[in-house]
């Protein structure tokens, strides 16, 4: 059976709405963290990442 490709066109506003919804959800979930907490978390993740890839380069 041959492969058939199809394409559809959607209004660009549909994509904007979904993006706005996702952004709103992310802001509600992560927006209440303090900058200090986020900075500490980011630094811990960078340190862990360095440990994981150490010696692979």
C-alpha atoms as a PDB file:
ATOM      1  CA  UNK A   1       0.000   0.000   0.000  1.00  0.00           C
ATOM      2  CA  UNK A   2       1.543   3.349  -1.006  1.00  0.00           C
ATOM      3  CA  UNK A   3       1.940   6.143   1.519  1.00  0.00           C
ATOM      4  CA  UNK A   4      -0.348   9.117   1.031  1.00  0.00           C
ATOM      5  CA  UNK A   5       0.464  12.462   2.585  1.00  0.00           C
ATOM      6  CA  UNK A   6      -2.220  15.006   3.333  1.00  0.00           C
ATOM      7  CA  UNK A   7      -2.140  18.611   4.406  1.00  0.00           C
ATOM      8  CA  UNK A   8      -4.726  20.789   6.062  1.00  0.00           C
ATOM      9  CA  UNK A   9      -4.887  24.492   6.655  1.00  0.00           C
ATOM     10  CA  UNK A  10      -5.932  25.886  10.006  1.00  0.00           C
ATOM     11  CA  UNK A  11      -6.565  29.427  11.022  1.00  0.00           C
ATOM     12  CA  UNK A  12      -3.524  30.906  12.727  1.00  0.00           C
ATOM     13  CA  UNK A  13      -5.674  32.092  15.620  1.00  0.00           C
ATOM     14  CA  UNK A  14      -6.163  28.480  16.690  1.00  0.00           C
ATOM     15  CA  UNK A  15      -2.441  28.134  17.344  1.00  0.00           C
ATOM     16  CA  UNK A  16      -2.257  31.475  19.183  1.00  0.00           C
ATOM     17  CA  UNK A  17      -5.099  30.448  21.475  1.00  0.00           C
ATOM     18  CA  UNK A  18      -3.404  27.181  22.415  1.00  0.00           C
ATOM     19  CA  UNK A  19      -0.097  28.943  23.050  1.00  0.00           C
ATOM     20  CA  UNK A  20      -1.757  31.520  25.249  1.00  0.00           C
ATOM     21  CA  UNK A  21      -3.522  28.785  27.217  1.00  0.00           C
ATOM     22  CA  UNK A  22      -0.279  26.870  27.741  1.00  0.00           C
ATOM     23  CA  UNK A  23       1.549  30.024  28.793  1.00  0.00           C
ATOM     24  CA  UNK A  24      -1.214  30.833  31.279  1.00  0.00           C
ATOM     25  CA  UNK A  25      -1.063  27.327  32.732  1.00  0.00           C
ATOM     26  CA  UNK A  26       2.727  27.455  33.053  1.00  0.00           C
ATOM     27  CA  UNK A  27       2.610  30.857  34.720  1.00  0.00           C
ATOM     28  CA  UNK A  28       0.016  29.631  37.200  1.00  0.00           C
ATOM     29  CA  UNK A  29       2.070  26.552  37.999  1.00  0.00           C
ATOM     30  CA  UNK A  30       5.515  28.096  38.248  1.00  0.00           C
ATOM     31  CA  UNK A  31       4.770  31.766  38.816  1.00  0.00           C
ATOM     32  CA  UNK A  32       4.648  31.569  42.600  1.00  0.00           C
ATOM     33  CA  UNK A  33       8.249  30.383  43.036  1.00  0.00           C
ATOM     34  CA  UNK A  34      10.614  33.006  44.314  1.00  0.00           C
ATOM     35  CA  UNK A  35      13.594  34.037  42.226  1.00  0.00           C
ATOM     36  CA  UNK A  36      15.917  32.742  44.944  1.00  0.00           C
ATOM     37  CA  UNK A  37      14.290  29.320  44.902  1.00  0.00           C
ATOM     38  CA  UNK A  38      14.391  29.171  41.118  1.00  0.00           C
ATOM     39  CA  UNK A  39      18.031  30.268  41.016  1.00  0.00           C
ATOM     40  CA  UNK A  40      19.017  27.600  43.550  1.00  0.00           C
ATOM     41  CA  UNK A  41      17.118  24.946  41.592  1.00  0.00           C
ATOM     42  CA  UNK A  42      18.742  25.992  38.301  1.00  0.00           C
ATOM     43  CA  UNK A  43      22.214  25.890  39.842  1.00  0.00           C
ATOM     44  CA  UNK A  44      21.568  22.421  41.297  1.00  0.00           C
ATOM     45  CA  UNK A  45      20.420  21.180  37.878  1.00  0.00           C
ATOM     46  CA  UNK A  46      23.525  22.621  36.178  1.00  0.00           C
ATOM     47  CA  UNK A  47      25.752  20.928  38.767  1.00  0.00           C
ATOM     48  CA  UNK A  48      23.963  17.598  38.302  1.00  0.00           C
ATOM     49  CA  UNK A  49      24.247  17.913  34.518  1.00  0.00           C
ATOM     50  CA  UNK A  50      27.994  18.582  34.783  1.00  0.00           C
ATOM     51  CA  UNK A  51      28.391  15.466  36.935  1.00  0.00           C
ATOM     52  CA  UNK A  52      26.442  13.344  34.456  1.00  0.00           C
ATOM     53  CA  UNK A  53      28.492  14.365  31.421  1.00  0.00           C
ATOM     54  CA  UNK A  54      31.866  14.594  33.124  1.00  0.00           C
ATOM     55  CA  UNK A  55      34.417  12.619  31.164  1.00  0.00           C
ATOM     56  CA  UNK A  56      32.183  12.262  28.093  1.00  0.00           C
ATOM     57  CA  UNK A  57      33.764  15.152  26.206  1.00  0.00           C
END
